[in-house]
PDB file of N, CA and C in Angstrom:
ATOM      1  N   UNK A   1      -0.739  23.562  20.643  1.00  0.00           N
ATOM      2  CA  UNK A   1      -2.135  23.374  20.329  1.00  0.00           C
ATOM      3  C   UNK A   1      -2.406  21.899  19.885  1.00  0.00           C
ATOM      4  N   UNK A   2      -3.431  21.275  20.392  1.00  0.00           N
ATOM      5  CA  UNK A   2      -3.629  19.975  20.050  1.00  0.00           C
ATOM      6  C   UNK A   2      -5.039  19.864  19.255  1.00  0.00           C
ATOM      7  N   UNK A   3      -5.160  18.980  18.326  1.00  0.00           N
ATOM      8  CA  UNK A   3      -6.362  18.800  17.529  1.00  0.00           C
ATOM      9  C   UNK A   3      -6.916  17.484  18.062  1.00  0.00           C
ATOM     10  N   UNK A   4      -8.166  17.519  18.482  1.00  0.00           N
ATOM     11  CA  UNK A   4      -8.842  16.222  19.068  1.00  0.00           C
ATOM     12  C   UNK A   4      -9.380  15.476  17.951  1.00  0.00           C
ATOM     13  N   UNK A   5      -9.046  14.161  17.769  1.00  0.00           N
ATOM     14  CA  UNK A   5      -9.486  13.327  16.645  1.00  0.00           C
ATOM     15  C   UNK A   5     -10.074  12.077  17.322  1.00  0.00           C
ATOM     16  N   UNK A   6     -11.362  11.745  16.998  1.00  0.00           N
ATOM     17  CA  UNK A   6     -11.909  10.501  17.370  1.00  0.00           C
ATOM     18  C   UNK A   6     -12.067   9.591  16.148  1.00  0.00           C
ATOM     19  N   UNK A   7     -11.629   8.265  16.394  1.00  0.00           N
ATOM     20  CA  UNK A   7     -11.677   7.376  15.357  1.00  0.00           C
ATOM     21  C   UNK A   7     -13.117   6.608  15.337  1.00  0.00           C
ATOM     22  N   UNK A   8     -13.113   5.610  14.546  1.00  0.00           N
ATOM     23  CA  UNK A   8     -14.354   4.849  14.248  1.00  0.00           C
ATOM     24  C   UNK A   8     -14.965   4.332  15.560  1.00  0.00           C
ATOM     25  N   UNK A   9     -16.317   4.409  15.576  1.00  0.00           N
ATOM     26  CA  UNK A   9     -17.152   3.873  16.702  1.00  0.00           C
ATOM     27  C   UNK A   9     -16.649   4.271  18.106  1.00  0.00           C
ATOM     28  N   UNK A  10     -16.053   5.405  18.114  1.00  0.00           N
ATOM     29  CA  UNK A  10     -15.696   5.988  19.506  1.00  0.00           C
ATOM     30  C   UNK A  10     -14.843   5.141  20.242  1.00  0.00           C
ATOM     31  N   UNK A  11     -14.059   4.165  19.595  1.00  0.00           N
ATOM     32  CA  UNK A  11     -13.250   3.275  20.374  1.00  0.00           C
ATOM     33  C   UNK A  11     -11.981   3.911  20.978  1.00  0.00           C
ATOM     34  N   UNK A  12     -11.358   4.658  20.128  1.00  0.00           N
ATOM     35  CA  UNK A  12     -10.056   5.278  20.589  1.00  0.00           C
ATOM     36  C   UNK A  12     -10.114   6.735  20.383  1.00  0.00           C
ATOM     37  N   UNK A  13      -9.271   7.363  21.125  1.00  0.00           N
ATOM     38  CA  UNK A  13      -9.211   8.867  21.069  1.00  0.00           C
ATOM     39  C   UNK A  13      -7.728   9.176  20.886  1.00  0.00           C
ATOM     40  N   UNK A  14      -7.326   9.962  19.911  1.00  0.00           N
ATOM     41  CA  UNK A  14      -5.917  10.363  19.756  1.00  0.00           C
ATOM     42  C   UNK A  14      -5.841  11.879  19.597  1.00  0.00           C
ATOM     43  N   UNK A  15      -4.653  12.313  19.777  1.00  0.00           N
ATOM     44  CA  UNK A  15      -4.357  13.697  19.587  1.00  0.00           C
ATOM     45  C   UNK A  15      -3.373  13.840  18.534  1.00  0.00           C
ATOM     46  N   UNK A  16      -3.648  14.719  17.543  1.00  0.00           N
ATOM     47  CA  UNK A  16      -2.604  15.032  16.425  1.00  0.00           C
ATOM     48  C   UNK A  16      -2.215  16.483  16.618  1.00  0.00           C
ATOM     49  N   UNK A  17      -0.947  16.611  16.697  1.00  0.00           N
ATOM     50  CA  UNK A  17      -0.385  17.908  16.772  1.00  0.00           C
ATOM     51  C   UNK A  17      -0.199  18.482  15.386  1.00  0.00           C
ATOM     52  N   UNK A  18      -0.490  19.889  15.213  1.00  0.00           N
ATOM     53  CA  UNK A  18      -0.484  20.371  13.894  1.00  0.00           C
ATOM     54  C   UNK A  18       0.973  20.364  13.344  1.00  0.00           C
ATOM     55  N   UNK A  19       1.836  20.447  14.063  1.00  0.00           N
ATOM     56  CA  UNK A  19       3.248  20.461  13.495  1.00  0.00           C
ATOM     57  C   UNK A  19       3.694  19.062  13.143  1.00  0.00           C
ATOM     58  N   UNK A  20       2.952  17.953  13.483  1.00  0.00           N
ATOM     59  CA  UNK A  20       3.236  16.585  13.157  1.00  0.00           C
ATOM     60  C   UNK A  20       2.326  16.086  12.097  1.00  0.00           C
ATOM     61  N   UNK A  21       1.211  16.793  11.652  1.00  0.00           N
ATOM     62  CA  UNK A  21       0.255  16.331  10.712  1.00  0.00           C
ATOM     63  C   UNK A  21       0.641  17.102   9.352  1.00  0.00           C
ATOM     64  N   UNK A  22       1.387  16.405   8.566  1.00  0.00           N
ATOM     65  CA  UNK A  22       1.955  16.899   7.339  1.00  0.00           C
ATOM     66  C   UNK A  22       0.917  17.242   6.299  1.00  0.00           C
ATOM     67  N   UNK A  23      -0.234  16.522   6.361  1.00  0.00           N
ATOM     68  CA  UNK A  23      -1.296  16.782   5.438  1.00  0.00           C
ATOM     69  C   UNK A  23      -1.931  18.127   5.605  1.00  0.00           C
ATOM     70  N   UNK A  24      -2.224  18.533   6.920  1.00  0.00           N
ATOM     71  CA  UNK A  24      -2.826  19.774   7.144  1.00  0.00           C
ATOM     72  C   UNK A  24      -1.728  20.896   7.140  1.00  0.00           C
ATOM     73  N   UNK A  25      -0.678  20.559   7.798  1.00  0.00           N
ATOM     74  CA  UNK A  25       0.394  21.632   7.899  1.00  0.00           C
ATOM     75  C   UNK A  25       1.735  21.047   7.352  1.00  0.00           C
ATOM     76  N   UNK A  26       1.884  21.180   6.061  1.00  0.00           N
ATOM     77  CA  UNK A  26       3.075  20.617   5.452  1.00  0.00           C
ATOM     78  C   UNK A  26       4.315  21.544   5.680  1.00  0.00           C
ATOM     79  N   UNK A  27       5.529  20.893   5.837  1.00  0.00           N
ATOM     80  CA  UNK A  27       6.555  21.660   6.185  1.00  0.00           C
ATOM     81  C   UNK A  27       7.206  22.336   4.982  1.00  0.00           C
ATOM     82  N   UNK A  28       6.777  22.058   3.776  1.00  0.00           N
ATOM     83  CA  UNK A  28       7.189  22.816   2.570  1.00  0.00           C
ATOM     84  C   UNK A  28       6.092  23.806   2.196  1.00  0.00           C
ATOM     85  N   UNK A  29       6.546  25.033   1.845  1.00  0.00           N
ATOM     86  CA  UNK A  29       5.693  26.130   1.538  1.00  0.00           C
ATOM     87  C   UNK A  29       4.961  25.748   0.166  1.00  0.00           C
ATOM     88  N   UNK A  30       3.606  25.967   0.212  1.00  0.00           N
ATOM     89  CA  UNK A  30       2.783  25.688  -0.921  1.00  0.00           C
ATOM     90  C   UNK A  30       3.119  26.634  -2.129  1.00  0.00           C
ATOM     91  N   UNK A  31       2.718  26.326  -3.234  1.00  0.00           N
ATOM     92  CA  UNK A  31       2.885  27.020  -4.552  1.00  0.00           C
ATOM     93  C   UNK A  31       4.293  27.433  -4.806  1.00  0.00           C
ATOM     94  N   UNK A  32       5.257  26.459  -4.435  1.00  0.00           N
ATOM     95  CA  UNK A  32       6.599  26.722  -4.902  1.00  0.00           C
ATOM     96  C   UNK A  32       6.971  25.496  -5.833  1.00  0.00           C
ATOM     97  N   UNK A  33       8.107  25.663  -6.538  1.00  0.00           N
ATOM     98  CA  UNK A  33       8.537  24.542  -7.399  1.00  0.00           C
ATOM     99  C   UNK A  33       8.737  23.209  -6.688  1.00  0.00           C
ATOM    100  N   UNK A  34       9.303  23.375  -5.423  1.00  0.00           N
ATOM    101  CA  UNK A  34       9.575  22.121  -4.550  1.00  0.00           C
ATOM    102  C   UNK A  34       8.346  21.461  -4.178  1.00  0.00           C
ATOM    103  N   UNK A  35       7.330  22.288  -3.871  1.00  0.00           N
ATOM    104  CA  UNK A  35       5.978  21.706  -3.455  1.00  0.00           C
ATOM    105  C   UNK A  35       5.278  21.059  -4.607  1.00  0.00           C
ATOM    106  N   UNK A  36       5.319  21.612  -5.757  1.00  0.00           N
ATOM    107  CA  UNK A  36       4.694  21.039  -6.979  1.00  0.00           C
ATOM    108  C   UNK A  36       5.318  19.760  -7.283  1.00  0.00           C
ATOM    109  N   UNK A  37       6.623  19.657  -7.240  1.00  0.00           N
ATOM    110  CA  UNK A  37       7.374  18.386  -7.550  1.00  0.00           C
ATOM    111  C   UNK A  37       7.071  17.307  -6.524  1.00  0.00           C
ATOM    112  N   UNK A  38       7.059  17.752  -5.209  1.00  0.00           N
ATOM    113  CA  UNK A  38       6.742  16.730  -4.148  1.00  0.00           C
ATOM    114  C   UNK A  38       5.379  16.247  -4.331  1.00  0.00           C
ATOM    115  N   UNK A  39       4.393  17.147  -4.490  1.00  0.00           N
ATOM    116  CA  UNK A  39       2.964  16.825  -4.486  1.00  0.00           C
ATOM    117  C   UNK A  39       2.700  15.878  -5.768  1.00  0.00           C
ATOM    118  N   UNK A  40       3.390  16.073  -6.868  1.00  0.00           N
ATOM    119  CA  UNK A  40       3.222  15.265  -8.057  1.00  0.00           C
ATOM    120  C   UNK A  40       3.554  13.855  -7.734  1.00  0.00           C
ATOM    121  N   UNK A  41       4.718  13.732  -7.093  1.00  0.00           N
ATOM    122  CA  UNK A  41       5.185  12.309  -6.632  1.00  0.00           C
ATOM    123  C   UNK A  41       4.206  11.654  -5.569  1.00  0.00           C
ATOM    124  N   UNK A  42       3.799  12.509  -4.686  1.00  0.00           N
ATOM    125  CA  UNK A  42       3.009  11.966  -3.629  1.00  0.00           C
ATOM    126  C   UNK A  42       1.585  11.504  -4.164  1.00  0.00           C
ATOM    127  N   UNK A  43       1.028  12.222  -5.149  1.00  0.00           N
ATOM    128  CA  UNK A  43      -0.192  11.825  -5.781  1.00  0.00           C
ATOM    129  C   UNK A  43       0.070  10.457  -6.564  1.00  0.00           C
ATOM    130  N   UNK A  44       1.097  10.376  -7.209  1.00  0.00           N
ATOM    131  CA  UNK A  44       1.383   9.168  -7.961  1.00  0.00           C
ATOM    132  C   UNK A  44       1.571   7.944  -6.996  1.00  0.00           C
ATOM    133  N   UNK A  45       2.271   8.189  -5.905  1.00  0.00           N
ATOM    134  CA  UNK A  45       2.464   7.104  -4.848  1.00  0.00           C
ATOM    135  C   UNK A  45       1.120   6.648  -4.277  1.00  0.00           C
ATOM    136  N   UNK A  46       0.341   7.644  -3.882  1.00  0.00           N
ATOM    137  CA  UNK A  46      -1.030   7.309  -3.283  1.00  0.00           C
ATOM    138  C   UNK A  46      -1.923   6.562  -4.245  1.00  0.00           C
ATOM    139  N   UNK A  47      -1.977   7.002  -5.498  1.00  0.00           N
ATOM    140  CA  UNK A  47      -2.756   6.375  -6.517  1.00  0.00           C
ATOM    141  C   UNK A  47      -2.297   4.878  -6.660  1.00  0.00           C
ATOM    142  N   UNK A  48      -0.927   4.686  -6.699  1.00  0.00           N
ATOM    143  CA  UNK A  48      -0.433   3.355  -6.869  1.00  0.00           C
ATOM    144  C   UNK A  48      -0.808   2.466  -5.708  1.00  0.00           C
ATOM    145  N   UNK A  49      -0.752   3.074  -4.469  1.00  0.00           N
ATOM    146  CA  UNK A  49      -1.191   2.155  -3.235  1.00  0.00           C
ATOM    147  C   UNK A  49      -2.498   1.897  -3.332  1.00  0.00           C
ATOM    148  N   UNK A  50      -3.349   2.767  -3.691  1.00  0.00           N
ATOM    149  CA  UNK A  50      -4.829   2.548  -3.833  1.00  0.00           C
ATOM    150  C   UNK A  50      -5.161   1.499  -4.906  1.00  0.00           C
ATOM    151  N   UNK A  51      -4.409   1.558  -6.076  1.00  0.00           N
ATOM    152  CA  UNK A  51      -4.531   0.562  -7.096  1.00  0.00           C
ATOM    153  C   UNK A  51      -4.199  -0.809  -6.608  1.00  0.00           C
ATOM    154  N   UNK A  52      -3.060  -0.978  -5.852  1.00  0.00           N
ATOM    155  CA  UNK A  52      -2.676  -2.224  -5.246  1.00  0.00           C
ATOM    156  C   UNK A  52      -3.777  -2.679  -4.274  1.00  0.00           C
ATOM    157  N   UNK A  53      -4.233  -1.823  -3.444  1.00  0.00           N
ATOM    158  CA  UNK A  53      -5.336  -2.300  -2.523  1.00  0.00           C
ATOM    159  C   UNK A  53      -6.641  -2.746  -3.142  1.00  0.00           C
ATOM    160  N   UNK A  54      -6.888  -2.063  -4.267  1.00  0.00           N
ATOM    161  CA  UNK A  54      -8.173  -2.416  -5.080  1.00  0.00           C
ATOM    162  C   UNK A  54      -8.048  -3.728  -5.811  1.00  0.00           C
ATOM    163  N   UNK A  55      -6.850  -3.927  -6.336  1.00  0.00           N
ATOM    164  CA  UNK A  55      -6.687  -5.224  -7.175  1.00  0.00           C
ATOM    165  C   UNK A  55      -7.060  -6.483  -6.498  1.00  0.00           C
ATOM    166  N   UNK A  56      -6.492  -6.722  -5.358  1.00  0.00           N
ATOM    167  CA  UNK A  56      -6.820  -7.958  -4.609  1.00  0.00           C
ATOM    168  C   UNK A  56      -7.560  -7.691  -3.291  1.00  0.00           C
ATOM    169  N   UNK A  57      -8.207  -6.658  -3.123  1.00  0.00           N
ATOM    170  CA  UNK A  57      -8.898  -6.252  -1.930  1.00  0.00           C
ATOM    171  C   UNK A  57      -8.125  -6.336  -0.713  1.00  0.00           C
ATOM    172  N   UNK A  58      -6.949  -5.861  -0.726  1.00  0.00           N
ATOM    173  CA  UNK A  58      -6.064  -5.957   0.409  1.00  0.00           C
ATOM    174  C   UNK A  58      -6.601  -5.029   1.521  1.00  0.00           C
ATOM    175  N   UNK A  59      -7.269  -3.873   1.099  1.00  0.00           N
ATOM    176  CA  UNK A  59      -7.824  -3.039   1.966  1.00  0.00           C
ATOM    177  C   UNK A  59      -8.901  -3.644   2.975  1.00  0.00           C
ATOM    178  N   UNK A  60      -9.622  -4.447   2.529  1.00  0.00           N
ATOM    179  CA  UNK A  60     -10.793  -5.192   3.251  1.00  0.00           C
ATOM    180  C   UNK A  60     -10.478  -6.624   3.441  1.00  0.00           C
ATOM    181  N   UNK A  61      -9.223  -6.933   3.776  1.00  0.00           N
ATOM    182  CA  UNK A  61      -8.951  -8.302   3.964  1.00  0.00           C
ATOM    183  C   UNK A  61      -9.417  -8.857   5.331  1.00  0.00           C
ATOM    184  N   UNK A  62      -9.667 -10.126   5.369  1.00  0.00           N
ATOM    185  CA  UNK A  62     -10.129 -10.682   6.641  1.00  0.00           C
ATOM    186  C   UNK A  62      -9.023 -11.163   7.611  1.00  0.00           C
ATOM    187  N   UNK A  63      -7.979 -11.607   6.998  1.00  0.00           N
ATOM    188  CA  UNK A  63      -6.832 -12.147   7.890  1.00  0.00           C
ATOM    189  C   UNK A  63      -5.966 -10.971   8.442  1.00  0.00           C
ATOM    190  N   UNK A  64      -5.479 -11.082   9.598  1.00  0.00           N
ATOM    191  CA  UNK A  64      -4.588 -10.057  10.170  1.00  0.00           C
ATOM    192  C   UNK A  64      -3.192 -10.572  10.266  1.00  0.00           C
ATOM    193  N   UNK A  65      -2.740 -11.675   9.633  1.00  0.00           N
ATOM    194  CA  UNK A  65      -1.386 -12.083   9.758  1.00  0.00           C
ATOM    195  C   UNK A  65      -0.544 -11.396   8.827  1.00  0.00           C
ATOM    196  N   UNK A  66       0.722 -11.111   9.309  1.00  0.00           N
ATOM    197  CA  UNK A  66       1.708 -10.400   8.467  1.00  0.00           C
ATOM    198  C   UNK A  66       2.073 -11.118   7.321  1.00  0.00           C
ATOM    199  N   UNK A  67       2.234 -12.423   7.367  1.00  0.00           N
ATOM    200  CA  UNK A  67       2.770 -13.318   6.333  1.00  0.00           C
ATOM    201  C   UNK A  67       1.664 -13.273   5.180  1.00  0.00           C
ATOM    202  N   UNK A  68       0.418 -13.404   5.594  1.00  0.00           N
ATOM    203  CA  UNK A  68      -0.596 -13.421   4.577  1.00  0.00           C
ATOM    204  C   UNK A  68      -0.678 -12.023   3.887  1.00  0.00           C
ATOM    205  N   UNK A  69      -0.558 -10.985   4.567  1.00  0.00           N
ATOM    206  CA  UNK A  69      -0.583  -9.655   4.014  1.00  0.00           C
ATOM    207  C   UNK A  69       0.542  -9.474   3.044  1.00  0.00           C
ATOM    208  N   UNK A  70       1.734  -9.935   3.474  1.00  0.00           N
ATOM    209  CA  UNK A  70       2.895  -9.921   2.423  1.00  0.00           C
ATOM    210  C   UNK A  70       2.693 -10.593   1.190  1.00  0.00           C
ATOM    211  N   UNK A  71       2.104 -11.848   1.365  1.00  0.00           N
ATOM    212  CA  UNK A  71       1.760 -12.656   0.137  1.00  0.00           C
ATOM    213  C   UNK A  71       0.791 -11.989  -0.688  1.00  0.00           C
ATOM    214  N   UNK A  72      -0.224 -11.421  -0.102  1.00  0.00           N
ATOM    215  CA  UNK A  72      -1.280 -10.725  -0.965  1.00  0.00           C
ATOM    216  C   UNK A  72      -0.632  -9.471  -1.602  1.00  0.00           C
ATOM    217  N   UNK A  73       0.251  -8.773  -1.051  1.00  0.00           N
ATOM    218  CA  UNK A  73       0.952  -7.622  -1.761  1.00  0.00           C
ATOM    219  C   UNK A  73       1.828  -8.161  -2.793  1.00  0.00           C
ATOM    220  N   UNK A  74       2.591  -9.287  -2.531  1.00  0.00           N
ATOM    221  CA  UNK A  74       3.380  -9.764  -3.694  1.00  0.00           C
ATOM    222  C   UNK A  74       2.609 -10.284  -4.817  1.00  0.00           C
ATOM    223  N   UNK A  75       1.504 -10.973  -4.563  1.00  0.00           N
ATOM    224  CA  UNK A  75       0.631 -11.472  -5.684  1.00  0.00           C
ATOM    225  C   UNK A  75       0.082 -10.253  -6.413  1.00  0.00           C
ATOM    226  N   UNK A  76      -0.295  -9.264  -5.723  1.00  0.00           N
ATOM    227  CA  UNK A  76      -0.836  -8.013  -6.383  1.00  0.00           C
ATOM    228  C   UNK A  76       0.179  -7.427  -7.326  1.00  0.00           C
ATOM    229  N   UNK A  77       1.444  -7.419  -6.794  1.00  0.00           N
ATOM    230  CA  UNK A  77       2.489  -6.789  -7.718  1.00  0.00           C
ATOM    231  C   UNK A  77       2.782  -7.659  -8.866  1.00  0.00           C
ATOM    232  N   UNK A  78       2.755  -9.027  -8.688  1.00  0.00           N
ATOM    233  CA  UNK A  78       2.954  -9.876  -9.781  1.00  0.00           C
ATOM    234  C   UNK A  78       1.822  -9.701 -10.812  1.00  0.00           C
ATOM    235  N   UNK A  79       0.554  -9.617 -10.321  1.00  0.00           N
ATOM    236  CA  UNK A  79      -0.510  -9.426 -11.228  1.00  0.00           C
ATOM    237  C   UNK A  79      -0.511  -8.129 -12.094  1.00  0.00           C
ATOM    238  N   UNK A  80       0.009  -7.056 -11.458  1.00  0.00           N
ATOM    239  CA  UNK A  80       0.157  -5.741 -12.100  1.00  0.00           C
ATOM    240  C   UNK A  80       1.299  -5.782 -13.080  1.00  0.00           C
ATOM    241  N   UNK A  81       2.374  -6.447 -12.809  1.00  0.00           N
ATOM    242  CA  UNK A  81       3.389  -6.715 -13.714  1.00  0.00           C
ATOM    243  C   UNK A  81       3.090  -7.381 -14.986  1.00  0.00           C
ATOM    244  N   UNK A  82       2.258  -8.480 -14.719  1.00  0.00           N
ATOM    245  CA  UNK A  82       1.766  -9.256 -15.863  1.00  0.00           C
ATOM    246  C   UNK A  82       0.836  -8.445 -16.771  1.00  0.00           C
ATOM    247  N   UNK A  83      -0.056  -7.592 -16.128  1.00  0.00           N
ATOM    248  CA  UNK A  83      -0.884  -6.632 -16.862  1.00  0.00           C
ATOM    249  C   UNK A  83      -0.012  -5.666 -17.730  1.00  0.00           C
ATOM    250  N   UNK A  84       1.120  -5.168 -17.119  1.00  0.00           N
ATOM    251  CA  UNK A  84       1.978  -4.227 -17.877  1.00  0.00           C
ATOM    252  C   UNK A  84       2.621  -4.927 -19.047  1.00  0.00           C
ATOM    253  N   UNK A  85       3.130  -6.174 -18.796  1.00  0.00           N
ATOM    254  CA  UNK A  85       3.749  -6.881 -19.916  1.00  0.00           C
ATOM    255  C   UNK A  85       2.680  -7.248 -21.022  1.00  0.00           C
ATOM    256  N   UNK A  86       1.550  -7.619 -20.695  1.00  0.00           N
ATOM    257  CA  UNK A  86       0.425  -7.909 -21.570  1.00  0.00           C
ATOM    258  C   UNK A  86       0.095  -6.622 -22.362  1.00  0.00           C
ATOM    259  N   UNK A  87      -0.034  -5.581 -21.716  1.00  0.00           N
ATOM    260  CA  UNK A  87      -0.302  -4.317 -22.424  1.00  0.00           C
ATOM    261  C   UNK A  87       0.779  -3.944 -23.387  1.00  0.00           C
ATOM    262  N   UNK A  88       2.102  -4.181 -23.001  1.00  0.00           N
ATOM    263  CA  UNK A  88       3.122  -3.832 -23.857  1.00  0.00           C
ATOM    264  C   UNK A  88       3.163  -4.790 -25.077  1.00  0.00           C
ATOM    265  N   UNK A  89       2.921  -6.139 -24.816  1.00  0.00           N
ATOM    266  CA  UNK A  89       2.870  -6.972 -25.983  1.00  0.00           C
ATOM    267  C   UNK A  89       1.713  -6.673 -26.943  1.00  0.00           C
ATOM    268  N   UNK A  90       0.639  -6.149 -26.449  1.00  0.00           N
ATOM    269  CA  UNK A  90      -0.494  -5.897 -27.300  1.00  0.00           C
ATOM    270  C   UNK A  90      -0.641  -4.498 -27.745  1.00  0.00           C
ATOM    271  N   UNK A  91       0.309  -3.616 -27.375  1.00  0.00           N
ATOM    272  CA  UNK A  91       0.313  -2.230 -27.694  1.00  0.00           C
ATOM    273  C   UNK A  91      -0.884  -1.475 -27.250  1.00  0.00           C
ATOM    274  N   UNK A  92      -1.448  -1.938 -26.049  1.00  0.00           N
ATOM    275  CA  UNK A  92      -2.645  -1.233 -25.551  1.00  0.00           C
ATOM    276  C   UNK A  92      -2.364  -0.587 -24.297  1.00  0.00           C
ATOM    277  N   UNK A  93      -1.549   0.452 -24.285  1.00  0.00           N
ATOM    278  CA  UNK A  93      -1.150   1.128 -22.987  1.00  0.00           C
ATOM    279  C   UNK A  93      -2.144   1.825 -22.265  1.00  0.00           C
ATOM    280  N   UNK A  94      -3.336   2.173 -23.047  1.00  0.00           N
ATOM    281  CA  UNK A  94      -4.488   2.873 -22.463  1.00  0.00           C
ATOM    282  C   UNK A  94      -5.216   1.970 -21.461  1.00  0.00           C
ATOM    283  N   UNK A  95      -5.192   0.665 -21.748  1.00  0.00           N
ATOM    284  CA  UNK A  95      -5.968  -0.341 -20.982  1.00  0.00           C
ATOM    285  C   UNK A  95      -5.068  -0.994 -19.922  1.00  0.00           C
ATOM    286  N   UNK A  96      -3.946  -0.432 -19.534  1.00  0.00           N
ATOM    287  CA  UNK A  96      -2.909  -1.054 -18.623  1.00  0.00           C
ATOM    288  C   UNK A  96      -3.471  -1.389 -17.264  1.00  0.00           C
ATOM    289  N   UNK A  97      -4.615  -0.774 -16.812  1.00  0.00           N
ATOM    290  CA  UNK A  97      -5.076  -1.125 -15.418  1.00  0.00           C
ATOM    291  C   UNK A  97      -5.949  -2.116 -15.363  1.00  0.00           C
ATOM    292  N   UNK A  98      -6.517  -2.576 -16.527  1.00  0.00           N
ATOM    293  CA  UNK A  98      -7.532  -3.668 -16.567  1.00  0.00           C
ATOM    294  C   UNK A  98      -7.124  -4.802 -17.427  1.00  0.00           C
ATOM    295  N   UNK A  99      -6.895  -5.920 -16.742  1.00  0.00           N
ATOM    296  CA  UNK A  99      -6.428  -7.131 -17.498  1.00  0.00           C
ATOM    297  C   UNK A  99      -7.610  -7.690 -18.316  1.00  0.00           C
ATOM    298  N   UNK A 100      -8.937  -7.445 -17.824  1.00  0.00           N
ATOM    299  CA  UNK A 100     -10.112  -7.883 -18.502  1.00  0.00           C
ATOM    300  C   UNK A 100     -10.254  -7.232 -19.874  1.00  0.00           C
ATOM    301  N   UNK A 101     -10.029  -5.890 -19.953  1.00  0.00           N
ATOM    302  CA  UNK A 101      -9.986  -5.107 -21.153  1.00  0.00           C
ATOM    303  C   UNK A 101      -8.864  -5.617 -22.129  1.00  0.00           C
ATOM    304  N   UNK A 102      -7.695  -5.952 -21.546  1.00  0.00           N
ATOM    305  CA  UNK A 102      -6.633  -6.293 -22.445  1.00  0.00           C
ATOM    306  C   UNK A 102      -6.905  -7.727 -23.134  1.00  0.00           C
ATOM    307  N   UNK A 103      -7.474  -8.584 -22.368  1.00  0.00           N
ATOM    308  CA  UNK A 103      -7.810  -9.972 -22.934  1.00  0.00           C
ATOM    309  C   UNK A 103      -8.973  -9.848 -23.937  1.00  0.00           C
ATOM    310  N   UNK A 104     -10.051  -9.030 -23.614  1.00  0.00           N
ATOM    311  CA  UNK A 104     -11.114  -8.983 -24.625  1.00  0.00           C
ATOM    312  C   UNK A 104     -10.773  -8.421 -25.828  1.00  0.00           C
TER     313      UNK A 104
END
């Protein structure tokens, strides 16, 4: 069975097979200890990726070069590490996501 998926502006058409789409049909049975542990890590990873994309607007960047993207990701990581070190030095772990709040 195929699920028909159309992407933005009707440009492309792809087929996603249910056994290959792990968001809809996960290979791990839900409501088990293994599922809860897996889901907890997955949520943490997706939130971190979203935080990285939001920090330097990597999600809506205008350049398509691989080197530029790598540099953006490295700078984002460096900025986040500086924020963590600053929060640790100021003992303000609640404001770890916002450098503006740490400085103010």
